C-alpha atoms as a PDB file:
ATOM      1  CA  MET A   1     -70.420 -49.349  -9.866  1.00  0.00           C
ATOM      2  CA  GLN A   2     -71.072 -47.650 -13.303  1.00  0.00           C
ATOM      3  CA  PRO A   3     -69.165 -44.969 -14.907  1.00  0.00           C
ATOM      4  CA  ILE A   4     -70.299 -41.446 -15.728  1.00  0.00           C
ATOM      5  CA  SER A   5     -69.547 -38.622 -17.768  1.00  0.00           C
ATOM      6  CA  ILE A   6     -67.995 -35.600 -17.118  1.00  0.00           C
ATOM      7  CA  HIS A   7     -66.837 -31.987 -19.399  1.00  0.00           C
ATOM      8  CA  PHE A   8     -63.401 -31.574 -19.006  1.00  0.00           C
ATOM      9  CA  PRO A   9     -61.455 -29.067 -21.200  1.00  0.00           C
ATOM     10  CA  ALA A  10     -59.751 -31.608 -24.058  1.00  0.00           C
ATOM     11  CA  ASP A  11     -56.573 -29.865 -23.125  1.00  0.00           C
ATOM     12  CA  LEU A  12     -55.950 -30.386 -20.041  1.00  0.00           C
ATOM     13  CA  PHE A  13     -56.501 -33.926 -20.264  1.00  0.00           C
ATOM     14  CA  ILE A  14     -54.483 -34.143 -22.857  1.00  0.00           C
ATOM     15  CA  ASP A  15     -51.796 -32.530 -20.930  1.00  0.00           C
ATOM     16  CA  LEU A  16     -52.285 -34.173 -18.018  1.00  0.00           C
ATOM     17  CA  ALA A  17     -52.026 -37.939 -20.512  1.00  0.00           C
ATOM     18  CA  LYS A  18     -48.562 -36.548 -21.193  1.00  0.00           C
ATOM     19  CA  ARG A  19     -47.013 -36.729 -17.709  1.00  0.00           C
ATOM     20  CA  VAL A  20     -49.508 -38.987 -16.678  1.00  0.00           C
ATOM     21  CA  LYS A  21     -48.220 -42.868 -16.685  1.00  0.00           C
ATOM     22  CA  GLY A  22     -51.088 -45.113 -17.198  1.00  0.00           C
ATOM     23  CA  ASP A  23     -54.804 -43.810 -18.002  1.00  0.00           C
ATOM     24  CA  PRO A  24     -55.584 -40.313 -17.004  1.00  0.00           C
ATOM     25  CA  SER A  25     -58.751 -41.309 -16.496  1.00  0.00           C
ATOM     26  CA  GLU A  26     -57.467 -43.843 -13.533  1.00  0.00           C
ATOM     27  CA  PHE A  27     -55.424 -41.032 -12.277  1.00  0.00           C
ATOM     28  CA  ILE A  28     -58.154 -38.373 -11.817  1.00  0.00           C
ATOM     29  CA  GLU A  29     -60.129 -41.166  -9.526  1.00  0.00           C
ATOM     30  CA  ALA A  30     -57.456 -41.330  -6.961  1.00  0.00           C
ATOM     31  CA  LEU A  31     -57.212 -37.618  -7.372  1.00  0.00           C
ATOM     32  CA  VAL A  32     -60.935 -37.485  -6.296  1.00  0.00           C
ATOM     33  CA  ARG A  33     -61.114 -39.828  -3.545  1.00  0.00           C
ATOM     34  CA  ARG A  34     -58.051 -38.323  -2.177  1.00  0.00           C
ATOM     35  CA  HIS A  35     -59.156 -35.501  -2.105  1.00  0.00           C
ATOM     36  CA  LEU A  36     -62.879 -36.820  -0.130  1.00  0.00           C
ATOM     37  CA  ALA A  37     -60.663 -38.607   1.914  1.00  0.00           C
ATOM     38  CA  LYS A  38     -58.988 -34.718   3.175  1.00  0.00           C
ATOM     39  CA  LEU A  39     -62.383 -33.568   3.872  1.00  0.00           C
ATOM     40  CA  ASP A  40     -63.644 -36.167   5.758  1.00  0.00           C
ATOM     41  CA  GLU A  41     -61.019 -35.424   8.044  1.00  0.00           C
ATOM     42  CA  VAL A  42     -61.848 -31.701   8.620  1.00  0.00           C
ATOM     43  CA  VAL A  43     -65.188 -31.918   8.428  1.00  0.00           C
ATOM     44  CA  VAL A  44     -66.017 -33.667  11.427  1.00  0.00           C
ATOM     45  CA  ASP A  45     -69.727 -33.680  11.924  1.00  0.00           C
ATOM     46  CA  THR A  46     -72.168 -32.900   9.181  1.00  0.00           C
ATOM     47  CA  ARG A  47     -73.187 -30.049  11.157  1.00  0.00           C
ATOM     48  CA  THR A  48     -69.710 -28.406  10.604  1.00  0.00           C
ATOM     49  CA  PHE A  49     -70.096 -29.244   6.665  1.00  0.00           C
ATOM     50  CA  ASP A  50     -73.772 -27.980   6.489  1.00  0.00           C
ATOM     51  CA  LYS A  51     -71.913 -24.936   8.311  1.00  0.00           C
ATOM     52  CA  VAL A  52     -69.193 -24.393   5.572  1.00  0.00           C
ATOM     53  CA  THR A  53     -70.632 -24.824   2.650  1.00  0.00           C
ATOM     54  CA  ASN A  54     -73.786 -22.493   3.638  1.00  0.00           C
ATOM     55  CA  LYS A  55     -74.409 -19.605   1.234  1.00  0.00           C
ATOM     56  CA  GLU A  56     -73.973 -17.161   4.873  1.00  0.00           C
ATOM     57  CA  PHE A  57     -70.376 -19.375   4.622  1.00  0.00           C
ATOM     58  CA  SER A  58     -69.126 -17.867   1.486  1.00  0.00           C
ATOM     59  CA  ASP A  59     -67.613 -14.784   3.263  1.00  0.00           C
ATOM     60  CA  GLY A  60     -66.452 -16.290   5.929  1.00  0.00           C
ATOM     61  CA  ASP A  61     -67.806 -17.536   9.482  1.00  0.00           C
ATOM     62  CA  PRO A  62     -70.881 -14.711  10.005  1.00  0.00           C
ATOM     63  CA  SER A  63     -69.559 -14.410  13.807  1.00  0.00           C
ATOM     64  CA  GLY A  64     -66.655 -13.259  12.213  1.00  0.00           C
ATOM     65  CA  GLY A  65     -64.752  -9.836  10.860  1.00  0.00           C
ATOM     66  CA  MET A  66     -62.116  -7.482  11.827  1.00  0.00           C
ATOM     67  CA  GLU A  67     -61.996  -4.095  14.405  1.00  0.00           C
ATOM     68  CA  TRP A  68     -61.675  -0.702  13.372  1.00  0.00           C
ATOM     69  CA  SER A  69     -61.755   0.241  16.669  1.00  0.00           C
ATOM     70  CA  PRO A  70     -64.793   1.209  18.040  1.00  0.00           C
ATOM     71  CA  LEU A  71     -66.371  -0.686  14.522  1.00  0.00           C
ATOM     72  CA  TRP A  72     -66.872  -4.148  14.822  1.00  0.00           C
ATOM     73  CA  LEU A  73     -66.977  -5.068  10.397  1.00  0.00           C
ATOM     74  CA  PRO A  74     -68.811  -8.054  10.307  1.00  0.00           C
ATOM     75  CA  ASN A  75     -67.710 -10.790   7.562  1.00  0.00           C
ATOM     76  CA  GLY A  76     -69.839  -9.693   4.713  1.00  0.00           C
ATOM     77  CA  SER A  77     -70.010  -5.977   5.065  1.00  0.00           C
ATOM     78  CA  ASP A  78     -68.804  -3.849   1.963  1.00  0.00           C
ATOM     79  CA  LEU A  79     -66.454  -0.678   2.087  1.00  0.00           C
ATOM     80  CA  ARG A  80     -66.194   1.797  -0.590  1.00  0.00           C
ATOM     81  CA  MET A  81     -64.678   4.710  -0.821  1.00  0.00           C
ATOM     82  CA  ARG A  82     -64.009   7.151  -3.941  1.00  0.00           C
ATOM     83  CA  TYR A  83     -60.669   8.622  -4.940  1.00  0.00           C
ATOM     84  CA  ARG A  84     -59.842  10.640  -8.225  1.00  0.00           C
ATOM     85  CA  ARG A  85     -63.780  10.476  -9.741  1.00  0.00           C
ATOM     86  CA  LYS A  86     -64.197   7.150  -9.379  1.00  0.00           C
ATOM     87  CA  THR A  87     -64.919   4.622  -7.114  1.00  0.00           C
ATOM     88  CA  PHE A  88     -63.398   1.462  -5.417  1.00  0.00           C
ATOM     89  CA  LEU A  89     -65.643  -1.591  -3.188  1.00  0.00           C
ATOM     90  CA  ALA A  90     -63.944  -3.825  -1.031  1.00  0.00           C
ATOM     91  CA  LYS A  91     -65.253  -6.584   0.892  1.00  0.00           C
ATOM     92  CA  VAL A  92     -64.671  -8.142   4.659  1.00  0.00           C
ATOM     93  CA  ARG A  93     -64.206 -11.584   3.774  1.00  0.00           C
ATOM     94  CA  PHE A  94     -62.872 -14.441   6.201  1.00  0.00           C
ATOM     95  CA  ASP A  95     -61.394 -11.822   8.513  1.00  0.00           C
ATOM     96  CA  ALA A  96     -59.770  -9.766   6.408  1.00  0.00           C
ATOM     97  CA  ILE A  97     -60.595  -6.781   3.771  1.00  0.00           C
ATOM     98  CA  HIS A  98     -60.462  -8.063   0.359  1.00  0.00           C
ATOM     99  CA  TYR A  99     -59.712  -5.691  -2.798  1.00  0.00           C
ATOM    100  CA  GLU A 100     -59.000  -7.345  -6.220  1.00  0.00           C
ATOM    101  CA  SER A 101     -56.974 -10.295  -5.464  1.00  0.00           C
ATOM    102  CA  VAL A 102     -55.151  -8.723  -2.323  1.00  0.00           C
ATOM    103  CA  GLU A 103     -56.015  -8.629   1.477  1.00  0.00           C
ATOM    104  CA  TYR A 104     -55.596  -5.884   3.896  1.00  0.00           C
ATOM    105  CA  HIS A 105     -55.702  -6.213   7.346  1.00  0.00           C
ATOM    106  CA  SER A 106     -56.730  -2.514   7.817  1.00  0.00           C
ATOM    107  CA  VAL A 107     -59.288  -0.274   6.618  1.00  0.00           C
ATOM    108  CA  SER A 108     -55.819   2.195   6.423  1.00  0.00           C
ATOM    109  CA  GLN A 109     -54.043   0.047   4.367  1.00  0.00           C
ATOM    110  CA  TRP A 110     -57.053  -0.494   1.591  1.00  0.00           C
ATOM    111  CA  VAL A 111     -57.279   3.179   1.869  1.00  0.00           C
ATOM    112  CA  ARG A 112     -53.038   3.764   1.246  1.00  0.00           C
ATOM    113  CA  HIS A 113     -53.655   1.347  -1.744  1.00  0.00           C
ATOM    114  CA  VAL A 114     -56.658   3.056  -3.283  1.00  0.00           C
ATOM    115  CA  ALA A 115     -54.623   6.576  -2.739  1.00  0.00           C
ATOM    116  CA  ARG A 116     -51.832   5.525  -4.393  1.00  0.00           C
ATOM    117  CA  GLY A 117     -49.499   5.671  -1.218  1.00  0.00           C
ATOM    118  CA  THR A 118     -50.708   9.092   0.378  1.00  0.00           C
ATOM    119  CA  ALA A 119     -51.788   9.453   3.504  1.00  0.00           C
ATOM    120  CA  ARG A 120     -55.735   9.222   3.989  1.00  0.00           C
ATOM    121  CA  ASN A 121     -57.719   9.900   7.516  1.00  0.00           C
ATOM    122  CA  ALA A 122     -60.071   6.556   6.446  1.00  0.00           C
ATOM    123  CA  TRP A 123     -62.810   7.850   8.722  1.00  0.00           C
ATOM    124  CA  HIS A 124     -63.135  10.326   5.995  1.00  0.00           C
ATOM    125  CA  ASP A 125     -62.731   7.948   2.988  1.00  0.00           C
ATOM    126  CA  VAL A 126     -64.710   5.455   3.172  1.00  0.00           C
ATOM    127  CA  TRP A 127     -68.384   4.318   3.515  1.00  0.00           C
ATOM    128  CA  VAL A 128     -69.884   0.925   5.176  1.00  0.00           C
ATOM    129  CA  LYS A 129     -72.385  -1.223   4.214  1.00  0.00           C
ATOM    130  CA  PHE A 130     -73.046  -3.629   7.132  1.00  0.00           C
ATOM    131  CA  PRO A 131     -74.448  -7.364   5.791  1.00  0.00           C
ATOM    132  CA  ASP A 132     -77.705  -7.160   6.929  1.00  0.00           C
ATOM    133  CA  GLY A 133     -77.857  -3.439   5.634  1.00  0.00           C
ATOM    134  CA  ASP A 134     -79.122  -1.628   2.284  1.00  0.00           C
ATOM    135  CA  ASP A 135     -77.058   1.119   2.246  1.00  0.00           C
ATOM    136  CA  PHE A 136     -73.251   2.322   2.457  1.00  0.00           C
ATOM    137  CA  VAL A 137     -73.254   4.751   5.715  1.00  0.00           C
ATOM    138  CA  TYR A 138     -70.397   7.159   6.080  1.00  0.00           C
ATOM    139  CA  ALA A 139     -68.392   5.428   8.581  1.00  0.00           C
ATOM    140  CA  ASP A 140     -66.954   8.783  10.412  1.00  0.00           C
ATOM    141  CA  THR A 141     -70.484   8.875  11.364  1.00  0.00           C
ATOM    142  CA  LEU A 142     -70.632   5.532  12.638  1.00  0.00           C
ATOM    143  CA  ARG A 143     -67.718   6.060  15.108  1.00  0.00           C
ATOM    144  CA  GLN A 144     -69.390   9.191  16.547  1.00  0.00           C
ATOM    145  CA  PRO A 145     -70.969   8.853  19.901  1.00  0.00           C
ATOM    146  CA  SER A 146     -75.226  10.560  18.997  1.00  0.00           C
ATOM    147  CA  ARG A 147     -75.201  14.093  19.318  1.00  0.00           C
ATOM    148  CA  GLY A 148     -78.697  14.144  19.767  1.00  0.00           C
ATOM    149  CA  GLY A 149     -78.731  17.036  22.471  1.00  0.00           C
ATOM    150  CA  MET A 150     -80.204  16.191  25.719  1.00  0.00           C
ATOM    151  CA  PRO A 151     -80.449  12.469  26.411  1.00  0.00           C
ATOM    152  CA  SER A 152     -83.517  10.571  26.544  1.00  0.00           C
ATOM    153  CA  ALA A 153     -84.939   9.446  29.647  1.00  0.00           C
ATOM    154  CA  LEU A 154     -84.101   5.797  28.883  1.00  0.00           C
ATOM    155  CA  ASP A 155     -80.590   7.237  28.454  1.00  0.00           C
ATOM    156  CA  LEU A 156     -80.117   8.158  32.220  1.00  0.00           C
ATOM    157  CA  PRO A 157     -78.993   6.518  34.863  1.00  0.00           C
ATOM    158  CA  PHE A 158     -82.266   4.474  36.942  1.00  0.00           C
ATOM    159  CA  ASP A 159     -82.174   4.514  40.432  1.00  0.00           C
ATOM    160  CA  ASP A 160     -83.879   2.249  42.684  1.00  0.00           C
ATOM    161  CA  ASP A 161     -85.109   5.577  45.554  1.00  0.00           C
ATOM    162  CA  ASP A 162     -86.948   7.354  42.303  1.00  0.00           C
ATOM    163  CA  LYS A 163     -88.795   4.603  42.494  1.00  0.00           C
ATOM    164  CA  LYS A 164     -90.136   4.708  46.348  1.00  0.00           C
ATOM    165  CA  GLU A 165     -91.546   8.198  45.203  1.00  0.00           C
END
């Protein structure tokens, strides 16, 4: 098979050449072949490969996420918080909250980090934007039941005896 050229930083190639016995090109080729073999072991079928390489999967499995009881924050959800006149943004990715290079396993952990270790009520500090949403929504309103006054007819229980009259 005919070789091709790949752009590769010269300083990295030189550093590799100093450490490897033989031609660094052969070493790189062996690494790529080994990596492809490992990928073949992990990727069982083409559907899994398509799902993993899909753009939607960049935040993790779209059906995954994390629970912030009673809310479910699906992967791809954005979190926003204002603290000391600054806005902080985090994202739910791979079933955890990612902010800068740190992973948090609860909203409270992230809020405490942003607020420099002070005790906070995350429900009152965080706004949430779901992956299919356009706007951020105040978190405390998301956990509250609707307070619209009288329930609509659709909210009332339906009894079969009512149907007969």
